[in-house]
């Protein structure tokens, strides 16, 4: 295993311990609707995909990935709620 491969494996392991938080970060990046944030979402989704492959949970990953409309609706609701408290 090369140094880069070992580093990636460690990163994926660390990410696995924070998976729900990482999915939320993906949603936040997407909701911002900015190019840099989309790029950040893609990087995180790639890492989440690698994690799913490693764990053999590709179906779960696919299910999470296919629900962006639900995630978006939840984010918009949260954003409107937060605006009301500011």
N, C-alpha and C. Protein backbone atom coordinates (compact mmCIF):
# COMPACT_ATOMS: atom_id res chain seq x y z
N UNK A 1 0.86 -1.19 0.00
CA UNK A 1 0.00 0.00 0.00
C UNK A 1 0.90 1.24 0.00
N UNK A 2 0.64 2.14 -0.94
CA UNK A 2 1.44 3.35 -1.02
C UNK A 2 1.03 4.33 0.07
N UNK A 3 1.84 5.34 0.27
CA UNK A 3 1.52 6.35 1.28
C UNK A 3 0.20 7.04 1.01
N UNK A 4 -0.05 7.37 -0.26
CA UNK A 4 -1.30 8.04 -0.62
C UNK A 4 -2.50 7.13 -0.37
N UNK A 5 -2.34 5.85 -0.70
CA UNK A 5 -3.42 4.90 -0.49
C UNK A 5 -3.70 4.71 1.00
N UNK A 6 -2.65 4.65 1.79
CA UNK A 6 -2.80 4.51 3.24
C UNK A 6 -3.47 5.75 3.83
N UNK A 7 -3.07 6.91 3.35
CA UNK A 7 -3.69 8.16 3.83
C UNK A 7 -5.17 8.20 3.48
N UNK A 8 -5.50 7.78 2.27
CA UNK A 8 -6.91 7.76 1.86
C UNK A 8 -7.71 6.79 2.73
N UNK A 9 -7.14 5.62 3.02
CA UNK A 9 -7.81 4.63 3.87
C UNK A 9 -8.06 5.19 5.26
N UNK A 10 -7.08 5.90 5.81
CA UNK A 10 -7.27 6.52 7.14
C UNK A 10 -8.37 7.58 7.09
N UNK A 11 -8.36 8.37 6.02
CA UNK A 11 -9.39 9.42 5.86
C UNK A 11 -10.78 8.79 5.79
N UNK A 12 -10.91 7.73 5.02
CA UNK A 12 -12.21 7.05 4.87
C UNK A 12 -12.64 6.47 6.22
N UNK A 13 -11.71 5.90 6.97
CA UNK A 13 -12.03 5.37 8.30
C UNK A 13 -12.54 6.47 9.22
N UNK A 14 -11.88 7.62 9.21
CA UNK A 14 -12.29 8.75 10.04
C UNK A 14 -13.67 9.26 9.62
N UNK A 15 -13.87 9.32 8.32
CA UNK A 15 -15.14 9.77 7.79
C UNK A 15 -16.27 8.83 8.23
N UNK A 16 -15.98 7.55 8.26
CA UNK A 16 -16.98 6.57 8.67
C UNK A 16 -17.50 6.78 10.07
N UNK A 17 -16.68 7.33 10.92
CA UNK A 17 -17.12 7.60 12.30
C UNK A 17 -18.03 8.82 12.39
N UNK A 18 -18.08 9.59 11.29
CA UNK A 18 -18.92 10.80 11.28
C UNK A 18 -19.89 10.81 10.10
N UNK A 19 -20.26 9.64 9.63
CA UNK A 19 -21.05 9.54 8.40
C UNK A 19 -22.33 10.38 8.40
N UNK A 20 -23.16 10.32 9.45
CA UNK A 20 -24.39 11.16 9.42
C UNK A 20 -24.06 12.65 9.29
N UNK A 21 -23.04 13.08 9.97
CA UNK A 21 -22.62 14.49 9.91
C UNK A 21 -22.14 14.84 8.49
N UNK A 22 -21.45 13.93 7.85
CA UNK A 22 -20.94 14.17 6.50
C UNK A 22 -22.10 14.29 5.51
N UNK A 23 -23.13 13.44 5.65
CA UNK A 23 -24.30 13.56 4.78
C UNK A 23 -24.97 14.93 4.96
N UNK A 24 -25.01 15.42 6.19
CA UNK A 24 -25.58 16.75 6.44
C UNK A 24 -24.74 17.83 5.77
N UNK A 25 -23.42 17.68 5.83
CA UNK A 25 -22.53 18.65 5.17
C UNK A 25 -22.77 18.65 3.66
N UNK A 26 -22.98 17.48 3.08
CA UNK A 26 -23.29 17.39 1.65
C UNK A 26 -24.54 18.21 1.35
N UNK A 27 -25.58 18.03 2.16
CA UNK A 27 -26.83 18.76 1.95
C UNK A 27 -26.62 20.26 2.06
N UNK A 28 -25.85 20.68 3.04
CA UNK A 28 -25.58 22.11 3.23
C UNK A 28 -24.84 22.67 2.01
N UNK A 29 -23.84 21.94 1.54
CA UNK A 29 -23.10 22.39 0.34
C UNK A 29 -24.05 22.55 -0.85
N UNK A 30 -24.92 21.59 -1.04
CA UNK A 30 -25.84 21.64 -2.18
C UNK A 30 -26.83 22.79 -2.04
N UNK A 31 -27.32 23.01 -0.83
CA UNK A 31 -28.30 24.07 -0.61
C UNK A 31 -27.74 25.47 -0.86
N UNK A 32 -26.43 25.62 -0.75
CA UNK A 32 -25.83 26.94 -0.98
C UNK A 32 -25.84 27.33 -2.45
N UNK A 33 -25.95 26.33 -3.34
CA UNK A 33 -26.07 26.57 -4.78
C UNK A 33 -24.92 27.42 -5.34
N UNK A 34 -23.72 27.15 -4.89
CA UNK A 34 -22.52 27.83 -5.37
C UNK A 34 -21.56 26.78 -5.93
N UNK A 35 -20.81 27.14 -6.96
CA UNK A 35 -19.92 26.19 -7.62
C UNK A 35 -18.93 25.54 -6.65
N UNK A 36 -18.31 26.34 -5.81
CA UNK A 36 -17.34 25.78 -4.86
C UNK A 36 -18.00 24.82 -3.88
N UNK A 37 -19.22 25.14 -3.49
CA UNK A 37 -19.93 24.25 -2.57
C UNK A 37 -20.35 22.96 -3.27
N UNK A 38 -20.72 23.05 -4.55
CA UNK A 38 -21.03 21.83 -5.29
C UNK A 38 -19.78 20.95 -5.38
N UNK A 39 -18.63 21.57 -5.60
CA UNK A 39 -17.38 20.82 -5.68
C UNK A 39 -17.09 20.14 -4.34
N UNK A 40 -17.35 20.84 -3.25
CA UNK A 40 -17.17 20.25 -1.92
C UNK A 40 -18.11 19.07 -1.71
N UNK A 41 -19.34 19.21 -2.18
CA UNK A 41 -20.31 18.12 -2.06
C UNK A 41 -19.84 16.90 -2.85
N UNK A 42 -19.31 17.12 -4.04
CA UNK A 42 -18.83 16.01 -4.87
C UNK A 42 -17.67 15.30 -4.17
N UNK A 43 -16.76 16.04 -3.59
CA UNK A 43 -15.63 15.43 -2.87
C UNK A 43 -16.13 14.57 -1.71
N UNK A 44 -17.08 15.10 -0.95
CA UNK A 44 -17.62 14.34 0.17
C UNK A 44 -18.40 13.12 -0.30
N UNK A 45 -19.17 13.28 -1.38
CA UNK A 45 -19.92 12.14 -1.92
C UNK A 45 -18.99 11.05 -2.44
N UNK A 46 -17.89 11.45 -3.03
CA UNK A 46 -16.90 10.47 -3.50
C UNK A 46 -16.35 9.68 -2.32
N UNK A 47 -16.04 10.39 -1.24
CA UNK A 47 -15.53 9.72 -0.05
C UNK A 47 -16.59 8.81 0.58
N UNK A 48 -17.83 9.28 0.61
CA UNK A 48 -18.92 8.45 1.14
C UNK A 48 -19.13 7.20 0.28
N UNK A 49 -18.98 7.36 -1.02
CA UNK A 49 -19.09 6.20 -1.93
C UNK A 49 -17.97 5.20 -1.63
N UNK A 50 -16.74 5.70 -1.49
CA UNK A 50 -15.61 4.82 -1.17
C UNK A 50 -15.85 4.09 0.15
N UNK A 51 -16.41 4.79 1.11
CA UNK A 51 -16.74 4.18 2.40
C UNK A 51 -17.77 3.07 2.22
N UNK A 52 -18.80 3.35 1.43
CA UNK A 52 -19.85 2.35 1.19
C UNK A 52 -19.28 1.11 0.50
N UNK A 53 -18.42 1.32 -0.47
CA UNK A 53 -17.80 0.19 -1.17
C UNK A 53 -16.99 -0.64 -0.18
N UNK A 54 -16.24 0.04 0.64
CA UNK A 54 -15.41 -0.64 1.65
C UNK A 54 -16.25 -1.45 2.64
N UNK A 55 -17.38 -0.89 3.02
CA UNK A 55 -18.25 -1.55 4.00
C UNK A 55 -19.24 -2.53 3.36
N UNK A 56 -19.37 -2.48 2.05
CA UNK A 56 -20.35 -3.32 1.38
C UNK A 56 -21.77 -2.82 1.56
N UNK A 57 -21.91 -1.50 1.71
CA UNK A 57 -23.23 -0.90 1.93
C UNK A 57 -23.63 0.01 0.76
N UNK A 58 -23.35 -0.47 -0.44
CA UNK A 58 -23.66 0.32 -1.62
C UNK A 58 -25.13 0.65 -1.77
N UNK A 59 -26.01 -0.28 -1.37
CA UNK A 59 -27.45 -0.03 -1.48
C UNK A 59 -27.88 1.11 -0.56
N UNK A 60 -27.32 1.16 0.63
CA UNK A 60 -27.64 2.24 1.56
C UNK A 60 -27.16 3.58 1.00
N UNK A 61 -25.95 3.59 0.45
CA UNK A 61 -25.42 4.80 -0.17
C UNK A 61 -26.34 5.27 -1.29
N UNK A 62 -26.75 4.34 -2.15
CA UNK A 62 -27.61 4.67 -3.27
C UNK A 62 -28.94 5.26 -2.79
N UNK A 63 -29.47 4.70 -1.72
CA UNK A 63 -30.73 5.20 -1.17
C UNK A 63 -30.57 6.63 -0.66
N UNK A 64 -29.48 6.88 0.06
CA UNK A 64 -29.21 8.25 0.55
C UNK A 64 -29.06 9.21 -0.63
N UNK A 65 -28.37 8.75 -1.65
CA UNK A 65 -28.09 9.59 -2.81
C UNK A 65 -29.35 9.90 -3.61
N UNK A 66 -30.31 9.00 -3.61
CA UNK A 66 -31.52 9.18 -4.40
C UNK A 66 -32.57 10.05 -3.69
N UNK A 67 -32.29 10.52 -2.51
CA UNK A 67 -33.25 11.33 -1.77
C UNK A 67 -32.86 12.79 -1.66
N UNK A 68 -32.22 13.38 -2.68
CA UNK A 68 -31.81 14.78 -2.54
C UNK A 68 -33.00 15.72 -2.41
N UNK A 69 -34.13 15.37 -3.01
CA UNK A 69 -35.29 16.25 -2.91
C UNK A 69 -35.76 16.33 -1.46
N UNK A 70 -35.77 15.21 -0.77
CA UNK A 70 -36.16 15.20 0.64
C UNK A 70 -35.18 16.03 1.46
N UNK A 71 -33.90 15.84 1.19
CA UNK A 71 -32.87 16.59 1.91
C UNK A 71 -33.00 18.08 1.64
N UNK A 72 -33.26 18.41 0.39
CA UNK A 72 -33.39 19.82 0.02
C UNK A 72 -34.59 20.46 0.70
N UNK A 73 -35.71 19.74 0.72
CA UNK A 73 -36.90 20.25 1.39
C UNK A 73 -36.63 20.49 2.87
N UNK A 74 -35.97 19.56 3.50
CA UNK A 74 -35.65 19.70 4.92
C UNK A 74 -34.74 20.90 5.15
N UNK A 75 -33.76 21.07 4.27
CA UNK A 75 -32.84 22.20 4.40
C UNK A 75 -33.53 23.53 4.21
N UNK A 76 -34.44 23.60 3.24
CA UNK A 76 -35.18 24.84 3.00
C UNK A 76 -36.09 25.16 4.18
N UNK A 77 -36.70 24.14 4.75
CA UNK A 77 -37.54 24.34 5.93
C UNK A 77 -36.70 24.86 7.09
N UNK A 78 -35.54 24.26 7.28
CA UNK A 78 -34.63 24.70 8.34
C UNK A 78 -34.19 26.13 8.12
N UNK A 79 -33.85 26.47 6.88
CA UNK A 79 -33.40 27.82 6.56
C UNK A 79 -34.50 28.84 6.83
N UNK A 80 -35.73 28.51 6.45
CA UNK A 80 -36.83 29.46 6.69
C UNK A 80 -37.11 29.59 8.18
N UNK A 81 -36.97 28.51 8.92
CA UNK A 81 -37.16 28.55 10.37
C UNK A 81 -36.10 29.44 11.02
N UNK A 82 -34.86 29.26 10.58
CA UNK A 82 -33.77 30.04 11.15
C UNK A 82 -33.92 31.53 10.84
N UNK A 83 -34.41 31.87 9.65
CA UNK A 83 -34.59 33.27 9.29
C UNK A 83 -35.63 33.93 10.19
N UNK A 84 -36.60 33.17 10.61
CA UNK A 84 -37.63 33.70 11.47
C UNK A 84 -37.14 34.01 12.88
N UNK A 85 -35.99 33.42 13.27
CA UNK A 85 -35.46 33.64 14.62
C UNK A 85 -34.37 34.67 14.65
N UNK A 86 -33.95 35.19 13.49
CA UNK A 86 -32.84 36.15 13.46
C UNK A 86 -33.30 37.55 13.63
